């Protein structure tokens, strides 16, 4: 009876190890999804550490989407003063409602006293088009519209 119980526990333990969740970190590269451990960005290339430990160097231009620890980042066109700059940036998807997507992205304010300090910018996109660039005054109402709660750090 003890042997049967030990065998049953061993088999349940093995099955539990096989049935682990898929990785929360991945990239879309060449139209296919690849699970990764870590990603870091350089000027023109991304350094990707795969699940197996293999390191890949991929041009940023070929990446369209990535996810790290459950946070989704999409490559979106950057707008400044309501006009497209011609640049693309990875923006964190915070929420969606209907056709609208709410994004956060980090920029640097080069006109500030501390130009190396990161500034969070928020925007709402409809597809690839900017729908609304947010200010501190509009951020709270937009968060309510998307069903999100603002947490200040």
N, C-alpha and C. Protein backbone atom coordinates (compact mmCIF):
# COMPACT_ATOMS: atom_id res chain seq x y z
N UNK A 1 0.83 -1.19 0.00
CA UNK A 1 0.00 0.00 0.00
C UNK A 1 0.88 1.27 0.00
N UNK A 2 1.99 1.22 0.78
CA UNK A 2 2.88 2.37 0.82
C UNK A 2 3.54 2.60 -0.53
N UNK A 3 3.91 1.53 -1.20
CA UNK A 3 4.54 1.65 -2.51
C UNK A 3 3.59 2.29 -3.51
N UNK A 4 2.33 1.91 -3.45
CA UNK A 4 1.32 2.48 -4.35
C UNK A 4 1.14 3.97 -4.08
N UNK A 5 1.14 4.35 -2.82
CA UNK A 5 0.99 5.75 -2.44
C UNK A 5 2.20 6.57 -2.90
N UNK A 6 3.41 6.05 -2.73
CA UNK A 6 4.63 6.73 -3.17
C UNK A 6 4.63 6.86 -4.69
N UNK A 7 4.23 5.82 -5.39
CA UNK A 7 4.17 5.85 -6.85
C UNK A 7 3.15 6.88 -7.32
N UNK A 8 2.03 6.98 -6.66
CA UNK A 8 1.00 7.95 -7.01
C UNK A 8 1.51 9.37 -6.81
N UNK A 9 2.16 9.66 -5.68
CA UNK A 9 2.72 10.99 -5.44
C UNK A 9 3.81 11.34 -6.44
N UNK A 10 4.66 10.38 -6.79
CA UNK A 10 5.73 10.62 -7.75
C UNK A 10 5.15 10.96 -9.13
N UNK A 11 4.12 10.26 -9.54
CA UNK A 11 3.52 10.52 -10.86
C UNK A 11 2.82 11.88 -10.88
N UNK A 12 2.15 12.24 -9.78
CA UNK A 12 1.50 13.56 -9.71
C UNK A 12 2.55 14.66 -9.74
N UNK A 13 3.66 14.47 -9.05
CA UNK A 13 4.74 15.45 -9.03
C UNK A 13 5.33 15.64 -10.43
N UNK A 14 5.52 14.55 -11.16
CA UNK A 14 6.08 14.62 -12.52
C UNK A 14 5.11 15.32 -13.47
N UNK A 15 3.84 15.03 -13.37
CA UNK A 15 2.84 15.67 -14.23
C UNK A 15 2.76 17.15 -13.93
N UNK A 16 2.86 17.54 -12.67
CA UNK A 16 2.82 18.96 -12.30
C UNK A 16 4.02 19.70 -12.89
N UNK A 17 5.16 19.07 -12.97
CA UNK A 17 6.35 19.69 -13.56
C UNK A 17 6.20 19.89 -15.05
N UNK A 18 5.51 18.98 -15.71
CA UNK A 18 5.29 19.09 -17.15
C UNK A 18 4.27 20.17 -17.47
N UNK A 19 3.29 20.34 -16.62
CA UNK A 19 2.18 21.25 -16.89
C UNK A 19 2.45 22.67 -16.38
N UNK A 20 3.67 23.16 -16.53
CA UNK A 20 3.96 24.52 -16.09
C UNK A 20 3.42 25.52 -17.10
N UNK A 21 3.20 26.72 -16.63
CA UNK A 21 2.69 27.78 -17.49
C UNK A 21 3.74 28.20 -18.50
N UNK A 22 3.28 28.67 -19.67
CA UNK A 22 4.25 29.18 -20.63
C UNK A 22 4.88 30.47 -20.11
N UNK A 23 6.01 30.81 -20.68
CA UNK A 23 6.76 31.97 -20.24
C UNK A 23 5.95 33.25 -20.38
N UNK A 24 6.12 34.18 -19.42
CA UNK A 24 5.45 35.47 -19.49
C UNK A 24 6.24 36.46 -20.31
N UNK A 25 7.41 36.06 -20.80
CA UNK A 25 8.27 36.94 -21.59
C UNK A 25 8.46 36.33 -22.98
N UNK A 26 8.16 37.14 -24.00
CA UNK A 26 8.26 36.67 -25.37
C UNK A 26 8.43 37.86 -26.32
N UNK A 27 8.79 37.56 -27.57
CA UNK A 27 8.90 38.58 -28.61
C UNK A 27 8.19 38.08 -29.86
N UNK A 28 7.80 39.01 -30.70
CA UNK A 28 7.32 38.68 -32.05
C UNK A 28 8.46 39.03 -32.99
N UNK A 29 9.04 38.01 -33.59
CA UNK A 29 10.20 38.19 -34.46
C UNK A 29 9.96 37.41 -35.74
N UNK A 30 10.05 38.09 -36.88
CA UNK A 30 9.78 37.48 -38.20
C UNK A 30 8.42 36.80 -38.20
N UNK A 31 7.42 37.49 -37.68
CA UNK A 31 6.01 37.05 -37.65
C UNK A 31 5.78 35.78 -36.84
N UNK A 32 6.69 35.43 -35.96
CA UNK A 32 6.46 34.27 -35.09
C UNK A 32 6.83 34.64 -33.66
N UNK A 33 6.21 33.95 -32.73
CA UNK A 33 6.44 34.23 -31.31
C UNK A 33 7.56 33.35 -30.78
N UNK A 34 8.46 33.97 -29.98
CA UNK A 34 9.59 33.27 -29.41
C UNK A 34 9.64 33.57 -27.91
N UNK A 35 9.64 32.52 -27.08
CA UNK A 35 9.75 32.71 -25.63
C UNK A 35 11.17 33.11 -25.29
N UNK A 36 11.30 34.06 -24.37
CA UNK A 36 12.61 34.57 -23.99
C UNK A 36 12.71 34.69 -22.47
N UNK A 37 13.94 34.84 -21.98
CA UNK A 37 14.17 35.11 -20.56
C UNK A 37 14.33 36.60 -20.32
N UNK A 38 15.08 37.26 -21.22
CA UNK A 38 15.43 38.66 -21.02
C UNK A 38 15.65 39.35 -22.35
N UNK A 39 15.40 40.65 -22.37
CA UNK A 39 15.68 41.45 -23.57
C UNK A 39 16.30 42.77 -23.11
N UNK A 40 17.31 43.23 -23.85
CA UNK A 40 17.88 44.55 -23.59
C UNK A 40 18.14 45.20 -24.95
N UNK A 41 18.02 46.53 -24.97
CA UNK A 41 18.10 47.26 -26.22
C UNK A 41 19.35 48.10 -26.30
N UNK A 42 19.94 48.09 -27.50
CA UNK A 42 21.05 48.98 -27.82
C UNK A 42 20.55 50.05 -28.76
N UNK A 43 21.45 50.63 -29.53
CA UNK A 43 21.07 51.68 -30.47
C UNK A 43 20.26 51.12 -31.63
N UNK A 44 20.72 50.02 -32.22
CA UNK A 44 20.01 49.47 -33.38
C UNK A 44 19.67 47.98 -33.23
N UNK A 45 20.17 47.34 -32.20
CA UNK A 45 19.93 45.91 -32.01
C UNK A 45 19.38 45.62 -30.62
N UNK A 46 18.65 44.52 -30.54
CA UNK A 46 18.16 44.03 -29.25
C UNK A 46 18.93 42.76 -28.92
N UNK A 47 19.35 42.64 -27.68
CA UNK A 47 20.06 41.45 -27.21
C UNK A 47 19.04 40.59 -26.47
N UNK A 48 18.81 39.40 -26.97
CA UNK A 48 17.76 38.52 -26.45
C UNK A 48 18.38 37.27 -25.87
N UNK A 49 18.00 36.96 -24.64
CA UNK A 49 18.42 35.71 -24.00
C UNK A 49 17.24 34.76 -24.07
N UNK A 50 17.40 33.67 -24.81
CA UNK A 50 16.33 32.70 -24.99
C UNK A 50 16.18 31.83 -23.75
N UNK A 51 15.08 31.07 -23.69
CA UNK A 51 14.81 30.17 -22.58
C UNK A 51 15.95 29.17 -22.39
N UNK A 52 16.58 28.76 -23.49
CA UNK A 52 17.67 27.79 -23.43
C UNK A 52 18.99 28.40 -22.95
N UNK A 53 19.03 29.75 -22.86
CA UNK A 53 20.25 30.43 -22.46
C UNK A 53 21.03 30.98 -23.64
N UNK A 54 20.64 30.61 -24.86
CA UNK A 54 21.30 31.10 -26.06
C UNK A 54 21.03 32.59 -26.22
N UNK A 55 22.06 33.35 -26.61
CA UNK A 55 21.95 34.80 -26.79
C UNK A 55 21.83 35.11 -28.27
N UNK A 56 20.82 35.91 -28.61
CA UNK A 56 20.55 36.30 -29.99
C UNK A 56 20.66 37.80 -30.11
N UNK A 57 21.19 38.29 -31.21
CA UNK A 57 21.26 39.71 -31.49
C UNK A 57 20.35 39.97 -32.69
N UNK A 58 19.29 40.77 -32.46
CA UNK A 58 18.26 40.98 -33.47
C UNK A 58 18.12 42.48 -33.76
N UNK A 59 18.03 42.87 -35.04
CA UNK A 59 17.78 44.29 -35.34
C UNK A 59 16.43 44.73 -34.77
N UNK A 60 16.40 45.88 -34.12
CA UNK A 60 15.17 46.39 -33.52
C UNK A 60 14.09 46.59 -34.59
N UNK A 61 14.51 46.92 -35.79
CA UNK A 61 13.55 47.15 -36.88
C UNK A 61 12.70 45.91 -37.17
N UNK A 62 13.22 44.71 -36.86
CA UNK A 62 12.48 43.48 -37.14
C UNK A 62 11.54 43.08 -36.00
N UNK A 63 11.63 43.74 -34.85
CA UNK A 63 10.73 43.44 -33.73
C UNK A 63 9.49 44.32 -33.82
N UNK A 64 8.33 43.73 -33.54
CA UNK A 64 7.10 44.53 -33.56
C UNK A 64 6.44 44.59 -32.20
N UNK A 65 6.58 43.52 -31.41
CA UNK A 65 5.93 43.44 -30.11
C UNK A 65 6.79 42.57 -29.20
N UNK A 66 6.79 42.91 -27.91
CA UNK A 66 7.42 42.03 -26.94
C UNK A 66 6.68 42.14 -25.62
N UNK A 67 6.86 41.12 -24.79
CA UNK A 67 6.23 41.09 -23.47
C UNK A 67 7.28 40.66 -22.46
N UNK A 68 7.37 41.42 -21.37
CA UNK A 68 8.28 41.10 -20.28
C UNK A 68 7.46 41.11 -18.99
N UNK A 69 7.50 39.99 -18.28
CA UNK A 69 6.80 39.85 -17.00
C UNK A 69 5.33 40.27 -17.09
N UNK A 70 4.68 39.92 -18.17
CA UNK A 70 3.26 40.20 -18.33
C UNK A 70 2.94 41.59 -18.85
N UNK A 71 3.94 42.44 -19.05
CA UNK A 71 3.73 43.78 -19.61
C UNK A 71 3.94 43.70 -21.12
N UNK A 72 2.96 44.19 -21.87
CA UNK A 72 2.99 44.12 -23.33
C UNK A 72 3.46 45.44 -23.91
N UNK A 73 4.44 45.39 -24.82
CA UNK A 73 4.99 46.57 -25.48
C UNK A 73 4.81 46.42 -26.98
N UNK A 74 4.17 47.42 -27.61
CA UNK A 74 3.97 47.44 -29.06
C UNK A 74 4.79 48.57 -29.66
N UNK A 75 5.30 48.36 -30.87
CA UNK A 75 6.02 49.42 -31.56
C UNK A 75 4.97 50.32 -32.23
N UNK A 76 4.97 51.58 -31.81
CA UNK A 76 3.98 52.55 -32.29
C UNK A 76 4.69 53.79 -32.82
N UNK A 77 4.03 54.52 -33.75
CA UNK A 77 4.62 55.77 -34.23
C UNK A 77 4.59 56.84 -33.14
N UNK A 78 5.65 57.64 -33.08
CA UNK A 78 5.76 58.70 -32.08
C UNK A 78 5.21 60.00 -32.68
N UNK A 79 4.41 60.68 -31.88
CA UNK A 79 3.84 61.97 -32.27
C UNK A 79 4.37 63.05 -31.35
N UNK A 80 4.63 64.22 -31.92
CA UNK A 80 5.05 65.37 -31.12
C UNK A 80 4.25 66.57 -31.62
N UNK A 81 3.58 67.24 -30.70
CA UNK A 81 2.71 68.37 -31.02
C UNK A 81 1.66 68.00 -32.06
N UNK A 82 1.14 66.77 -31.97
CA UNK A 82 0.06 66.32 -32.85
C UNK A 82 0.50 65.85 -34.22
N UNK A 83 1.79 65.84 -34.49
CA UNK A 83 2.30 65.41 -35.81
C UNK A 83 3.24 64.23 -35.65
N UNK A 84 3.20 63.35 -36.63
CA UNK A 84 4.07 62.19 -36.61
C UNK A 84 5.52 62.62 -36.82
N UNK A 85 6.43 62.06 -36.00
CA UNK A 85 7.84 62.43 -36.11
C UNK A 85 8.61 61.55 -37.09
N UNK A 86 8.01 60.45 -37.49
CA UNK A 86 8.71 59.50 -38.35
C UNK A 86 9.46 58.45 -37.55
N UNK A 87 9.49 58.59 -36.25
CA UNK A 87 10.15 57.63 -35.38
C UNK A 87 9.14 56.62 -34.85
N UNK A 88 9.65 55.46 -34.46
CA UNK A 88 8.82 54.43 -33.83
C UNK A 88 9.42 54.17 -32.45
N UNK A 89 8.54 53.84 -31.48
CA UNK A 89 9.00 53.55 -30.13
C UNK A 89 8.15 52.43 -29.55
N UNK A 90 8.76 51.64 -28.67
CA UNK A 90 8.00 50.61 -27.96
C UNK A 90 7.25 51.27 -26.82
N UNK A 91 5.94 51.08 -26.82
CA UNK A 91 5.07 51.67 -25.80
C UNK A 91 4.35 50.57 -25.04
N UNK A 92 4.23 50.76 -23.73
CA UNK A 92 3.56 49.77 -22.89
C UNK A 92 2.06 49.93 -23.00
N UNK A 93 1.38 48.84 -23.37
CA UNK A 93 -0.07 48.84 -23.45
C UNK A 93 -0.65 48.75 -22.05
N UNK A 94 -1.39 49.78 -21.64
CA UNK A 94 -1.96 49.82 -20.30
C UNK A 94 -3.40 49.32 -20.29
N UNK A 95 -4.15 49.68 -21.32
CA UNK A 95 -5.55 49.25 -21.36
C UNK A 95 -6.15 49.42 -22.73
N UNK A 96 -7.26 48.75 -22.95
CA UNK A 96 -7.99 48.88 -24.20
C UNK A 96 -9.48 49.06 -23.89
N UNK A 97 -10.13 49.76 -24.79
CA UNK A 97 -11.58 49.91 -24.70
C UNK A 97 -12.08 50.15 -26.11
N UNK A 98 -12.79 49.16 -26.63
CA UNK A 98 -13.24 49.25 -28.02
C UNK A 98 -12.05 49.28 -28.96
N UNK A 99 -12.03 50.26 -29.83
CA UNK A 99 -10.93 50.43 -30.80
C UNK A 99 -9.74 51.18 -30.20
N UNK A 100 -9.93 51.79 -29.04
CA UNK A 100 -8.89 52.64 -28.46
C UNK A 100 -7.93 51.84 -27.59
N UNK A 101 -6.65 52.21 -27.67
CA UNK A 101 -5.62 51.57 -26.85
C UNK A 101 -4.86 52.66 -26.09
N UNK A 102 -4.65 52.42 -24.81
CA UNK A 102 -4.03 53.38 -23.89
C UNK A 102 -2.58 52.94 -23.67
N UNK A 103 -1.62 53.81 -24.02
CA UNK A 103 -0.20 53.48 -23.94
C UNK A 103 0.55 54.43 -23.01
N UNK A 104 1.63 53.88 -22.42
CA UNK A 104 2.60 54.66 -21.65
C UNK A 104 3.96 54.44 -22.28
N UNK A 105 4.73 55.52 -22.40
CA UNK A 105 6.09 55.37 -22.88
C UNK A 105 7.00 56.37 -22.19
N UNK A 106 8.27 55.99 -22.08
CA UNK A 106 9.26 56.82 -21.41
C UNK A 106 10.03 57.63 -22.44
N UNK A 107 10.19 58.91 -22.13
CA UNK A 107 10.97 59.79 -22.98
C UNK A 107 11.93 60.57 -22.09
N UNK A 108 12.79 61.33 -22.71
CA UNK A 108 13.70 62.21 -22.00
C UNK A 108 13.35 63.64 -22.35
N UNK A 109 13.34 64.51 -21.37
CA UNK A 109 13.08 65.93 -21.59
C UNK A 109 14.41 66.64 -21.71
N UNK A 110 14.86 66.84 -22.93
CA UNK A 110 16.19 67.42 -23.15
C UNK A 110 16.22 68.92 -22.85
N UNK A 111 15.05 69.54 -22.72
CA UNK A 111 14.98 70.97 -22.42
C UNK A 111 15.01 71.22 -20.91
N UNK A 112 14.98 70.16 -20.12
CA UNK A 112 14.92 70.29 -18.67
C UNK A 112 16.32 70.49 -18.08
N UNK A 113 16.34 70.80 -16.79
CA UNK A 113 17.60 70.96 -16.07
C UNK A 113 18.31 69.61 -15.96
N UNK A 114 17.52 68.52 -15.85
CA UNK A 114 18.06 67.17 -15.77
C UNK A 114 17.65 66.40 -17.04
N UNK A 115 18.38 66.55 -18.15
CA UNK A 115 17.97 65.92 -19.40
C UNK A 115 18.04 64.40 -19.39
N UNK A 116 18.78 63.79 -18.46
CA UNK A 116 18.88 62.34 -18.40
C UNK A 116 17.72 61.72 -17.63
N UNK A 117 16.88 62.55 -17.00
CA UNK A 117 15.77 62.05 -16.20
C UNK A 117 14.62 61.60 -17.11
N UNK A 118 14.09 60.42 -16.85
CA UNK A 118 13.01 59.87 -17.67
C UNK A 118 11.68 60.51 -17.30
N UNK A 119 10.86 60.72 -18.33
CA UNK A 119 9.53 61.30 -18.16
C UNK A 119 8.53 60.33 -18.77
N UNK A 120 7.47 60.02 -18.03
CA UNK A 120 6.42 59.16 -18.56
C UNK A 120 5.45 60.00 -19.37
N UNK A 121 5.15 59.55 -20.58
CA UNK A 121 4.15 60.18 -21.43
C UNK A 121 3.05 59.17 -21.68
N UNK A 122 1.84 59.66 -21.84
CA UNK A 122 0.68 58.79 -22.05
C UNK A 122 -0.05 59.24 -23.30
N UNK A 123 -0.60 58.26 -24.03
CA UNK A 123 -1.33 58.58 -25.25
C UNK A 123 -2.37 57.50 -25.52
N UNK A 124 -3.39 57.90 -26.26
CA UNK A 124 -4.42 56.96 -26.70
C UNK A 124 -4.32 56.87 -28.22
N UNK A 125 -4.26 55.65 -28.71
CA UNK A 125 -4.17 55.39 -30.14
C UNK A 125 -5.41 54.66 -30.63
N UNK A 126 -5.79 54.96 -31.86
CA UNK A 126 -6.83 54.23 -32.56
C UNK A 126 -6.13 53.59 -33.76
N UNK A 127 -5.78 52.32 -33.63
CA UNK A 127 -4.94 51.68 -34.64
C UNK A 127 -3.53 52.23 -34.50
N UNK A 128 -2.96 52.76 -35.59
CA UNK A 128 -1.63 53.38 -35.55
C UNK A 128 -1.72 54.90 -35.49
N UNK A 129 -2.92 55.43 -35.42
CA UNK A 129 -3.12 56.88 -35.39
C UNK A 129 -3.29 57.38 -33.96
N UNK A 130 -2.65 58.50 -33.65
CA UNK A 130 -2.81 59.12 -32.34
C UNK A 130 -4.23 59.65 -32.22
N UNK A 131 -4.91 59.27 -31.16
CA UNK A 131 -6.27 59.75 -30.91
C UNK A 131 -6.22 60.92 -29.94
N UNK A 132 -5.38 60.80 -28.89
CA UNK A 132 -5.29 61.84 -27.88
C UNK A 132 -3.97 61.72 -27.13
N UNK A 133 -3.22 62.81 -27.07
CA UNK A 133 -2.02 62.87 -26.22
C UNK A 133 -2.48 63.41 -24.87
N UNK A 134 -2.07 62.74 -23.80
CA UNK A 134 -2.59 63.08 -22.49
C UNK A 134 -1.68 64.03 -21.73
N UNK A 135 -2.30 64.84 -20.90
CA UNK A 135 -1.57 65.72 -19.98
C UNK A 135 -1.88 65.26 -18.56
N UNK A 136 -1.25 65.88 -17.59
CA UNK A 136 -1.52 65.54 -16.19
C UNK A 136 -2.98 65.79 -15.83
N UNK A 137 -3.59 66.80 -16.46
CA UNK A 137 -4.99 67.14 -16.17
C UNK A 137 -5.96 66.11 -16.72
N UNK A 138 -5.66 65.54 -17.88
CA UNK A 138 -6.59 64.60 -18.52
C UNK A 138 -6.33 63.15 -18.12
N UNK A 139 -5.18 62.87 -17.53
CA UNK A 139 -4.80 61.49 -17.22
C UNK A 139 -5.79 60.81 -16.27
N UNK A 140 -6.22 61.49 -15.24
CA UNK A 140 -7.12 60.88 -14.26
C UNK A 140 -8.46 60.48 -14.89
N UNK A 141 -9.04 61.35 -15.71
CA UNK A 141 -10.31 61.03 -16.35
C UNK A 141 -10.19 59.89 -17.35
N UNK A 142 -9.08 59.86 -18.07
CA UNK A 142 -8.86 58.79 -19.04
C UNK A 142 -8.69 57.45 -18.33
N UNK A 143 -7.97 57.45 -17.20
CA UNK A 143 -7.82 56.22 -16.43
C UNK A 143 -9.18 55.70 -15.96
N UNK A 144 -10.04 56.58 -15.53
CA UNK A 144 -11.39 56.18 -15.13
C UNK A 144 -12.16 55.59 -16.31
N UNK A 145 -12.02 56.21 -17.49
CA UNK A 145 -12.69 55.73 -18.69
C UNK A 145 -12.24 54.31 -19.04
N UNK A 146 -10.95 54.02 -18.87
CA UNK A 146 -10.42 52.69 -19.16
C UNK A 146 -10.55 51.73 -17.98
N UNK A 147 -11.14 52.19 -16.88
CA UNK A 147 -11.33 51.33 -15.71
C UNK A 147 -10.06 51.07 -14.93
N UNK A 148 -9.15 52.04 -14.92
CA UNK A 148 -7.88 51.90 -14.23
C UNK A 148 -7.80 52.84 -13.04
N UNK A 149 -6.99 52.48 -12.08
CA UNK A 149 -6.80 53.31 -10.89
C UNK A 149 -5.39 53.89 -10.93
N UNK A 150 -5.26 55.18 -10.68
CA UNK A 150 -3.95 55.82 -10.68
C UNK A 150 -3.25 55.55 -9.34
N UNK A 151 -2.01 55.11 -9.42
CA UNK A 151 -1.18 54.90 -8.25
C UNK A 151 0.06 55.73 -8.42
N UNK A 152 0.27 56.69 -7.55
CA UNK A 152 1.44 57.57 -7.63
C UNK A 152 2.59 56.94 -6.87
N UNK A 153 3.80 57.03 -7.43
CA UNK A 153 4.99 56.48 -6.77
C UNK A 153 5.81 57.58 -6.18
